[in-house]
């Protein structure tokens, strides 16, 4: 049986999920987006069926993904409401917007799932939080949604109360990593290294360090200690980071982003 999956919005995250799901023979994908060139490319590259608007996606598909910005989610959900039937499942990737609001906007008749992705989904290494707290979700819908997100990366089933923190820590997390990478690249340039070399070296540093932590399964503190020789260069650099409250600043950044996610849902 072929399941029809529709995306309202085919931007970075919507497009990444479409590309990851497209090889599945059990799924037929539909999408709408204001950018027609983007839709044509998805159609050409992944066999996506373009549709004219959000209402058509709702009418045609079994699973309806709302891959749009939080600020316009209410308007889009209400546009799709006339095309929804009780067999449909609604899935939102909009940060901060709770299930209760999405359910109310759609008429409190349809199962609603919240998903929070992050941008490494673009290369099949996403980290996803999925929330099944809504009472109307069936076991088969839970199973299908869990399975399709497993194709795109690591999936964690969380209660909705954890979503604001997940959004701040993992959804926003790539930006923190790139910020740190950029700082290290600039440090290399400051000390006289060619920017291209500094960039390539820092990329490999982060890729190798991340993969090492996964493969060895050791605590990150243990991995850090492997590099930190007594009286050496590393402990001197770490001392400077601690003196400037870098760890505390990162923790405060996640805390601030969590509060922002909470405010967005009010």
C-alpha atoms as a PDB file:
ATOM      1  CA  UNK A   1       0.000   0.000   0.000  1.00  0.00           C
ATOM      2  CA  UNK A   2       1.378   3.407  -1.001  1.00  0.00           C
ATOM      3  CA  UNK A   3       0.987   6.139   1.593  1.00  0.00           C
ATOM      4  CA  UNK A   4       0.560   9.714   0.430  1.00  0.00           C
ATOM      5  CA  UNK A   5       2.720  12.219   2.279  1.00  0.00           C
ATOM      6  CA  UNK A   6       2.334  15.940   1.634  1.00  0.00           C
ATOM      7  CA  UNK A   7       4.586  18.867   2.484  1.00  0.00           C
ATOM      8  CA  UNK A   8       3.304  22.394   2.842  1.00  0.00           C
ATOM      9  CA  UNK A   9       6.599  24.194   2.463  1.00  0.00           C
ATOM     10  CA  UNK A  10       9.643  22.809   0.662  1.00  0.00           C
ATOM     11  CA  UNK A  11      12.380  25.049   2.049  1.00  0.00           C
ATOM     12  CA  UNK A  12      15.575  23.847   3.714  1.00  0.00           C
ATOM     13  CA  UNK A  13      13.921  21.531   6.239  1.00  0.00           C
ATOM     14  CA  UNK A  14      10.949  20.500   4.117  1.00  0.00           C
ATOM     15  CA  UNK A  15      13.235  19.895   1.150  1.00  0.00           C
ATOM     16  CA  UNK A  16      15.684  17.902   3.266  1.00  0.00           C
ATOM     17  CA  UNK A  17      12.940  15.628   4.551  1.00  0.00           C
ATOM     18  CA  UNK A  18      11.526  15.174   1.059  1.00  0.00           C
ATOM     19  CA  UNK A  19      14.948  14.202  -0.296  1.00  0.00           C
ATOM     20  CA  UNK A  20      15.459  11.700   2.517  1.00  0.00           C
ATOM     21  CA  UNK A  21      12.043  10.091   2.147  1.00  0.00           C
ATOM     22  CA  UNK A  22      11.866  10.068  -1.645  1.00  0.00           C
ATOM     23  CA  UNK A  23      13.735   6.761  -2.169  1.00  0.00           C
ATOM     24  CA  UNK A  24      11.013   4.918  -0.238  1.00  0.00           C
ATOM     25  CA  UNK A  25       8.850   2.877  -2.597  1.00  0.00           C
ATOM     26  CA  UNK A  26       6.015   2.789  -0.050  1.00  0.00           C
ATOM     27  CA  UNK A  27       5.582   6.576  -0.116  1.00  0.00           C
ATOM     28  CA  UNK A  28       4.266   9.006  -2.722  1.00  0.00           C
ATOM     29  CA  UNK A  29       5.264  12.584  -1.973  1.00  0.00           C
ATOM     30  CA  UNK A  30       3.354  15.756  -2.785  1.00  0.00           C
ATOM     31  CA  UNK A  31       4.406  19.330  -2.047  1.00  0.00           C
ATOM     32  CA  UNK A  32       3.478  22.966  -2.433  1.00  0.00           C
ATOM     33  CA  UNK A  33       5.707  26.009  -2.030  1.00  0.00           C
ATOM     34  CA  UNK A  34       5.716  29.613  -3.272  1.00  0.00           C
ATOM     35  CA  UNK A  35       9.054  28.923  -4.982  1.00  0.00           C
ATOM     36  CA  UNK A  36       8.068  27.123  -8.184  1.00  0.00           C
ATOM     37  CA  UNK A  37      11.683  26.558  -9.223  1.00  0.00           C
ATOM     38  CA  UNK A  38      12.253  24.662  -5.999  1.00  0.00           C
ATOM     39  CA  UNK A  39       9.197  22.498  -6.629  1.00  0.00           C
ATOM     40  CA  UNK A  40      10.303  21.750 -10.177  1.00  0.00           C
ATOM     41  CA  UNK A  41      13.726  20.653  -8.937  1.00  0.00           C
ATOM     42  CA  UNK A  42      12.174  18.370  -6.306  1.00  0.00           C
ATOM     43  CA  UNK A  43       9.904  16.946  -8.968  1.00  0.00           C
ATOM     44  CA  UNK A  44      12.817  16.306 -11.302  1.00  0.00           C
ATOM     45  CA  UNK A  45      15.246  14.965  -8.677  1.00  0.00           C
ATOM     46  CA  UNK A  46      12.892  13.023  -6.398  1.00  0.00           C
ATOM     47  CA  UNK A  47       9.640  12.444  -8.276  1.00  0.00           C
ATOM     48  CA  UNK A  48       7.642  14.801  -6.069  1.00  0.00           C
ATOM     49  CA  UNK A  49       4.180  15.735  -7.351  1.00  0.00           C
ATOM     50  CA  UNK A  50       3.783  19.542  -7.180  1.00  0.00           C
ATOM     51  CA  UNK A  51       0.450  20.925  -5.985  1.00  0.00           C
ATOM     52  CA  UNK A  52      -0.856  24.465  -6.251  1.00  0.00           C
ATOM     53  CA  UNK A  53      -1.583  25.246  -2.618  1.00  0.00           C
ATOM     54  CA  UNK A  54      -1.882  24.007   0.954  1.00  0.00           C
ATOM     55  CA  UNK A  55      -5.540  23.043   0.586  1.00  0.00           C
ATOM     56  CA  UNK A  56      -4.725  20.660  -2.264  1.00  0.00           C
ATOM     57  CA  UNK A  57      -2.026  19.004  -0.141  1.00  0.00           C
ATOM     58  CA  UNK A  58      -4.543  18.512   2.678  1.00  0.00           C
ATOM     59  CA  UNK A  59      -7.119  17.043   0.320  1.00  0.00           C
ATOM     60  CA  UNK A  60      -4.716  14.645  -1.399  1.00  0.00           C
ATOM     61  CA  UNK A  61      -2.499  13.301   1.371  1.00  0.00           C
ATOM     62  CA  UNK A  62      -2.770  10.929   4.338  1.00  0.00           C
ATOM     63  CA  UNK A  63      -0.001  12.686   6.289  1.00  0.00           C
ATOM     64  CA  UNK A  64       0.215  16.474   6.058  1.00  0.00           C
ATOM     65  CA  UNK A  65       3.508  18.128   7.047  1.00  0.00           C
ATOM     66  CA  UNK A  66       3.384  21.793   7.972  1.00  0.00           C
ATOM     67  CA  UNK A  67       6.977  22.782   7.168  1.00  0.00           C
ATOM     68  CA  UNK A  68       6.417  26.520   7.581  1.00  0.00           C
ATOM     69  CA  UNK A  69       7.552  29.276   9.931  1.00  0.00           C
ATOM     70  CA  UNK A  70       5.763  29.534  13.298  1.00  0.00           C
ATOM     71  CA  UNK A  71       4.453  33.021  12.473  1.00  0.00           C
ATOM     72  CA  UNK A  72       2.290  31.750   9.601  1.00  0.00           C
ATOM     73  CA  UNK A  73       1.363  28.304  10.932  1.00  0.00           C
ATOM     74  CA  UNK A  74      -2.086  29.333  12.206  1.00  0.00           C
ATOM     75  CA  UNK A  75      -3.026  30.827   8.856  1.00  0.00           C
ATOM     76  CA  UNK A  76      -1.806  27.759   6.931  1.00  0.00           C
ATOM     77  CA  UNK A  77      -3.580  25.266   9.202  1.00  0.00           C
ATOM     78  CA  UNK A  78      -6.836  27.161   8.828  1.00  0.00           C
ATOM     79  CA  UNK A  79      -6.394  27.210   5.035  1.00  0.00           C
ATOM     80  CA  UNK A  80      -6.129  23.423   5.030  1.00  0.00           C
ATOM     81  CA  UNK A  81      -9.042  22.760   7.371  1.00  0.00           C
ATOM     82  CA  UNK A  82     -11.716  22.355   4.631  1.00  0.00           C
ATOM     83  CA  UNK A  83      -9.644  19.610   2.987  1.00  0.00           C
ATOM     84  CA  UNK A  84      -9.044  17.525   6.110  1.00  0.00           C
ATOM     85  CA  UNK A  85     -10.787  14.269   7.028  1.00  0.00           C
ATOM     86  CA  UNK A  86     -10.589  12.281  10.242  1.00  0.00           C
ATOM     87  CA  UNK A  87      -8.219   9.773   8.636  1.00  0.00           C
ATOM     88  CA  UNK A  88      -5.569  12.481   8.135  1.00  0.00           C
ATOM     89  CA  UNK A  89      -2.564  12.971  10.407  1.00  0.00           C
ATOM     90  CA  UNK A  90      -1.133  16.467  10.837  1.00  0.00           C
ATOM     91  CA  UNK A  91       2.582  16.942  11.503  1.00  0.00           C
ATOM     92  CA  UNK A  92       4.138  20.283  12.434  1.00  0.00           C
ATOM     93  CA  UNK A  93       7.820  21.188  12.496  1.00  0.00           C
ATOM     94  CA  UNK A  94       7.163  24.780  13.629  1.00  0.00           C
ATOM     95  CA  UNK A  95       9.172  25.703  16.713  1.00  0.00           C
ATOM     96  CA  UNK A  96       7.338  26.664  19.869  1.00  0.00           C
ATOM     97  CA  UNK A  97       3.741  26.044  18.731  1.00  0.00           C
ATOM     98  CA  UNK A  98       2.030  23.453  20.996  1.00  0.00           C
ATOM     99  CA  UNK A  99      -0.162  20.596  19.865  1.00  0.00           C
ATOM    100  CA  UNK A 100      -3.195  22.139  21.601  1.00  0.00           C
ATOM    101  CA  UNK A 101      -3.097  25.213  19.351  1.00  0.00           C
ATOM    102  CA  UNK A 102      -2.610  23.245  16.137  1.00  0.00           C
ATOM    103  CA  UNK A 103      -5.458  20.946  17.126  1.00  0.00           C
ATOM    104  CA  UNK A 104      -7.753  23.887  17.893  1.00  0.00           C
ATOM    105  CA  UNK A 105      -6.911  25.634  14.600  1.00  0.00           C
ATOM    106  CA  UNK A 106      -7.773  22.459  12.674  1.00  0.00           C
ATOM    107  CA  UNK A 107     -11.028  21.820  14.537  1.00  0.00           C
ATOM    108  CA  UNK A 108      -9.931  19.372  17.269  1.00  0.00           C
ATOM    109  CA  UNK A 109     -10.769  16.379  15.036  1.00  0.00           C
ATOM    110  CA  UNK A 110      -7.401  15.189  13.748  1.00  0.00           C
ATOM    111  CA  UNK A 111      -4.314  13.579  15.274  1.00  0.00           C
ATOM    112  CA  UNK A 112      -1.485  16.102  15.596  1.00  0.00           C
ATOM    113  CA  UNK A 113       2.205  15.238  15.871  1.00  0.00           C
ATOM    114  CA  UNK A 114       4.971  17.689  16.671  1.00  0.00           C
ATOM    115  CA  UNK A 115       8.435  17.177  15.229  1.00  0.00           C
ATOM    116  CA  UNK A 116      11.548  19.248  15.818  1.00  0.00           C
ATOM    117  CA  UNK A 117      14.347  18.642  13.297  1.00  0.00           C
ATOM    118  CA  UNK A 118      17.777  20.180  12.881  1.00  0.00           C
ATOM    119  CA  UNK A 119      19.620  21.150   9.728  1.00  0.00           C
ATOM    120  CA  UNK A 120      21.977  18.132   9.454  1.00  0.00           C
ATOM    121  CA  UNK A 121      18.870  16.402   8.109  1.00  0.00           C
ATOM    122  CA  UNK A 122      20.064  17.956   4.836  1.00  0.00           C
ATOM    123  CA  UNK A 123      22.788  15.280   4.712  1.00  0.00           C
ATOM    124  CA  UNK A 124      20.859  12.461   6.366  1.00  0.00           C
ATOM    125  CA  UNK A 125      22.350  13.105   9.818  1.00  0.00           C
ATOM    126  CA  UNK A 126      19.452  14.925  11.428  1.00  0.00           C
ATOM    127  CA  UNK A 127      18.425  14.648  15.057  1.00  0.00           C
ATOM    128  CA  UNK A 128      14.653  14.646  15.478  1.00  0.00           C
ATOM    129  CA  UNK A 129      12.352  14.934  18.454  1.00  0.00           C
ATOM    130  CA  UNK A 130       8.874  13.480  17.891  1.00  0.00           C
ATOM    131  CA  UNK A 131       5.933  14.047  20.222  1.00  0.00           C
ATOM    132  CA  UNK A 132       2.952  11.658  20.267  1.00  0.00           C
ATOM    133  CA  UNK A 133       1.114  13.231  23.222  1.00  0.00           C
ATOM    134  CA  UNK A 134      -2.093  13.834  21.244  1.00  0.00           C
ATOM    135  CA  UNK A 135      -4.886  11.394  22.176  1.00  0.00           C
ATOM    136  CA  UNK A 136      -6.119  10.876  18.604  1.00  0.00           C
ATOM    137  CA  UNK A 137      -2.898   9.372  17.232  1.00  0.00           C
ATOM    138  CA  UNK A 138      -3.269   5.693  16.333  1.00  0.00           C
ATOM    139  CA  UNK A 139      -0.574   3.020  16.868  1.00  0.00           C
ATOM    140  CA  UNK A 140      -0.181   2.628  13.095  1.00  0.00           C
ATOM    141  CA  UNK A 141       0.376   6.367  12.673  1.00  0.00           C
ATOM    142  CA  UNK A 142       2.968   6.349  15.457  1.00  0.00           C
ATOM    143  CA  UNK A 143       4.754   3.447  13.819  1.00  0.00           C
ATOM    144  CA  UNK A 144       4.787   5.019  10.363  1.00  0.00           C
ATOM    145  CA  UNK A 145       6.023   8.400  11.582  1.00  0.00           C
ATOM    146  CA  UNK A 146       8.759   6.858  13.720  1.00  0.00           C
ATOM    147  CA  UNK A 147       9.892   4.726  10.797  1.00  0.00           C
ATOM    148  CA  UNK A 148      10.094   7.573   8.280  1.00  0.00           C
ATOM    149  CA  UNK A 149      12.099   9.801  10.586  1.00  0.00           C
ATOM    150  CA  UNK A 150      14.503   6.971  11.307  1.00  0.00           C
ATOM    151  CA  UNK A 151      15.353   7.131   7.600  1.00  0.00           C
ATOM    152  CA  UNK A 152      16.487  10.726   8.063  1.00  0.00           C
ATOM    153  CA  UNK A 153      18.680  10.427  11.173  1.00  0.00           C
ATOM    154  CA  UNK A 154      18.334   9.765  14.908  1.00  0.00           C
ATOM    155  CA  UNK A 155      14.839  10.038  16.321  1.00  0.00           C
ATOM    156  CA  UNK A 156      13.895  10.602  19.970  1.00  0.00           C
ATOM    157  CA  UNK A 157      10.302  10.294  21.161  1.00  0.00           C
ATOM    158  CA  UNK A 158       9.777  13.018  23.771  1.00  0.00           C
ATOM    159  CA  UNK A 159       6.913  14.436  25.752  1.00  0.00           C
ATOM    160  CA  UNK A 160       5.856  17.892  24.640  1.00  0.00           C
ATOM    161  CA  UNK A 161       7.114  19.462  27.870  1.00  0.00           C
ATOM    162  CA  UNK A 162      10.664  18.696  26.671  1.00  0.00           C
ATOM    163  CA  UNK A 163      10.254  20.274  23.243  1.00  0.00           C
ATOM    164  CA  UNK A 164      11.264  23.825  24.130  1.00  0.00           C
ATOM    165  CA  UNK A 165      14.553  22.577  25.570  1.00  0.00           C
ATOM    166  CA  UNK A 166      15.138  20.234  22.614  1.00  0.00           C
ATOM    167  CA  UNK A 167      14.489  23.143  20.246  1.00  0.00           C
ATOM    168  CA  UNK A 168      17.029  25.322  22.045  1.00  0.00           C
ATOM    169  CA  UNK A 169      19.658  22.614  22.508  1.00  0.00           C
ATOM    170  CA  UNK A 170      19.402  20.504  19.325  1.00  0.00           C
ATOM    171  CA  UNK A 171      17.271  22.483  16.892  1.00  0.00           C
ATOM    172  CA  UNK A 172      19.417  25.598  17.400  1.00  0.00           C
ATOM    173  CA  UNK A 173      22.519  23.552  18.213  1.00  0.00           C
ATOM    174  CA  UNK A 174      24.124  23.545  14.742  1.00  0.00           C
ATOM    175  CA  UNK A 175      24.363  27.350  14.897  1.00  0.00           C
ATOM    176  CA  UNK A 176      26.319  27.117  18.159  1.00  0.00           C
ATOM    177  CA  UNK A 177      28.679  24.563  16.611  1.00  0.00           C
ATOM    178  CA  UNK A 178      29.233  26.719  13.522  1.00  0.00           C
ATOM    179  CA  UNK A 179      29.798  29.759  15.749  1.00  0.00           C
ATOM    180  CA  UNK A 180      32.565  27.891  17.557  1.00  0.00           C
ATOM    181  CA  UNK A 181      34.009  26.658  14.256  1.00  0.00           C
ATOM    182  CA  UNK A 182      34.019  30.184  12.874  1.00  0.00           C
ATOM    183  CA  UNK A 183      35.794  31.436  15.991  1.00  0.00           C
ATOM    184  CA  UNK A 184      38.517  28.808  15.632  1.00  0.00           C
ATOM    185  CA  UNK A 185      38.956  29.550  11.927  1.00  0.00           C
ATOM    186  CA  UNK A 186      39.304  33.263  12.678  1.00  0.00           C
ATOM    187  CA  UNK A 187      41.822  32.449  15.408  1.00  0.00           C
ATOM    188  CA  UNK A 188      43.894  30.562  12.868  1.00  0.00           C
ATOM    189  CA  UNK A 189      43.753  33.505  10.474  1.00  0.00           C
ATOM    190  CA  UNK A 190      44.661  35.914  13.299  1.00  0.00           C
ATOM    191  CA  UNK A 191      47.771  33.877  14.017  1.00  0.00           C
ATOM    192  CA  UNK A 192      48.828  33.895  10.373  1.00  0.00           C
ATOM    193  CA  UNK A 193      47.220  30.845   8.754  1.00  0.00           C
ATOM    194  CA  UNK A 194      45.656  30.985   5.302  1.00  0.00           C
ATOM    195  CA  UNK A 195      41.834  31.080   5.676  1.00  0.00           C
ATOM    196  CA  UNK A 196      41.231  28.213   3.262  1.00  0.00           C
ATOM    197  CA  UNK A 197      43.630  25.941   5.149  1.00  0.00           C
ATOM    198  CA  UNK A 198      42.233  27.039   8.506  1.00  0.00           C
ATOM    199  CA  UNK A 199      38.693  26.284   7.325  1.00  0.00           C
ATOM    200  CA  UNK A 200      39.521  22.815   5.979  1.00  0.00           C
ATOM    201  CA  UNK A 201      41.494  21.915   9.101  1.00  0.00           C
ATOM    202  CA  UNK A 202      38.757  23.037  11.491  1.00  0.00           C
ATOM    203  CA  UNK A 203      36.109  21.148   9.508  1.00  0.00           C
ATOM    204  CA  UNK A 204      38.154  17.962   9.775  1.00  0.00           C
ATOM    205  CA  UNK A 205      38.790  18.632  13.460  1.00  0.00           C
ATOM    206  CA  UNK A 206      35.063  18.802  14.245  1.00  0.00           C
ATOM    207  CA  UNK A 207      34.179  15.848  12.021  1.00  0.00           C
ATOM    208  CA  UNK A 208      36.879  13.644  13.519  1.00  0.00           C
ATOM    209  CA  UNK A 209      36.224  14.664  17.112  1.00  0.00           C
ATOM    210  CA  UNK A 210      32.479  14.024  16.757  1.00  0.00           C
ATOM    211  CA  UNK A 211      32.993  10.632  15.117  1.00  0.00           C
ATOM    212  CA  UNK A 212      35.549   9.662  17.780  1.00  0.00           C
ATOM    213  CA  UNK A 213      33.064  10.434  20.562  1.00  0.00           C
ATOM    214  CA  UNK A 214      30.460   8.248  18.814  1.00  0.00           C
ATOM    215  CA  UNK A 215      32.752   5.311  18.083  1.00  0.00           C
ATOM    216  CA  UNK A 216      34.540   5.199  21.440  1.00  0.00           C
ATOM    217  CA  UNK A 217      31.417   5.904  23.489  1.00  0.00           C
ATOM    218  CA  UNK A 218      33.487   7.572  26.204  1.00  0.00           C
ATOM    219  CA  UNK A 219      32.343  10.516  28.313  1.00  0.00           C
ATOM    220  CA  UNK A 220      33.295  13.801  26.655  1.00  0.00           C
ATOM    221  CA  UNK A 221      35.296  14.764  29.746  1.00  0.00           C
ATOM    222  CA  UNK A 222      37.422  11.633  29.336  1.00  0.00           C
ATOM    223  CA  UNK A 223      37.994  12.470  25.689  1.00  0.00           C
ATOM    224  CA  UNK A 224      39.008  15.983  26.673  1.00  0.00           C
ATOM    225  CA  UNK A 225      41.475  14.634  29.226  1.00  0.00           C
ATOM    226  CA  UNK A 226      43.109  12.479  26.531  1.00  0.00           C
ATOM    227  CA  UNK A 227      44.302  15.719  24.907  1.00  0.00           C
ATOM    228  CA  UNK A 228      45.163  17.619  28.085  1.00  0.00           C
ATOM    229  CA  UNK A 229      48.759  16.924  29.105  1.00  0.00           C
ATOM    230  CA  UNK A 230      50.064  18.416  32.381  1.00  0.00           C
ATOM    231  CA  UNK A 231      51.604  21.828  31.813  1.00  0.00           C
ATOM    232  CA  UNK A 232      50.870  21.700  28.071  1.00  0.00           C
ATOM    233  CA  UNK A 233      49.256  23.930  25.481  1.00  0.00           C
ATOM    234  CA  UNK A 234      45.777  22.430  25.813  1.00  0.00           C
ATOM    235  CA  UNK A 235      45.353  23.099  29.537  1.00  0.00           C
ATOM    236  CA  UNK A 236      46.517  26.664  28.939  1.00  0.00           C
ATOM    237  CA  UNK A 237      43.877  27.136  26.244  1.00  0.00           C
ATOM    238  CA  UNK A 238      41.173  25.561  28.426  1.00  0.00           C
ATOM    239  CA  UNK A 239      42.164  27.832  31.321  1.00  0.00           C
ATOM    240  CA  UNK A 240      41.575  30.850  29.090  1.00  0.00           C
ATOM    241  CA  UNK A 241      38.160  29.518  28.033  1.00  0.00           C
ATOM    242  CA  UNK A 242      37.170  29.010  31.664  1.00  0.00           C
ATOM    243  CA  UNK A 243      38.476  32.455  32.647  1.00  0.00           C
ATOM    244  CA  UNK A 244      36.207  33.962  30.001  1.00  0.00           C
ATOM    245  CA  UNK A 245      33.165  31.915  31.109  1.00  0.00           C
ATOM    246  CA  UNK A 246      32.768  30.198  27.741  1.00  0.00           C
ATOM    247  CA  UNK A 247      31.015  27.134  29.184  1.00  0.00           C
ATOM    248  CA  UNK A 248      28.702  29.324  31.269  1.00  0.00           C
ATOM    249  CA  UNK A 249      27.930  31.461  28.201  1.00  0.00           C
ATOM    250  CA  UNK A 250      26.969  28.386  26.158  1.00  0.00           C
ATOM    251  CA  UNK A 251      24.692  27.177  28.954  1.00  0.00           C
ATOM    252  CA  UNK A 252      23.115  30.633  29.207  1.00  0.00           C
ATOM    253  CA  UNK A 253      22.590  30.673  25.418  1.00  0.00           C
ATOM    254  CA  UNK A 254      20.631  27.408  25.579  1.00  0.00           C
ATOM    255  CA  UNK A 255      18.645  28.724  28.536  1.00  0.00           C
ATOM    256  CA  UNK A 256      17.788  31.939  26.645  1.00  0.00           C
ATOM    257  CA  UNK A 257      16.790  30.022  23.518  1.00  0.00           C
ATOM    258  CA  UNK A 258      14.551  27.753  25.633  1.00  0.00           C
ATOM    259  CA  UNK A 259      12.755  30.764  27.086  1.00  0.00           C
ATOM    260  CA  UNK A 260      12.286  32.157  23.579  1.00  0.00           C
ATOM    261  CA  UNK A 261      10.720  28.905  22.418  1.00  0.00           C
ATOM    262  CA  UNK A 262       8.348  29.007  25.382  1.00  0.00           C
ATOM    263  CA  UNK A 263       7.386  32.606  24.575  1.00  0.00           C
ATOM    264  CA  UNK A 264       6.723  31.715  20.924  1.00  0.00           C
ATOM    265  CA  UNK A 265       4.102  29.206  22.046  1.00  0.00           C
ATOM    266  CA  UNK A 266       2.141  31.679  24.147  1.00  0.00           C
END
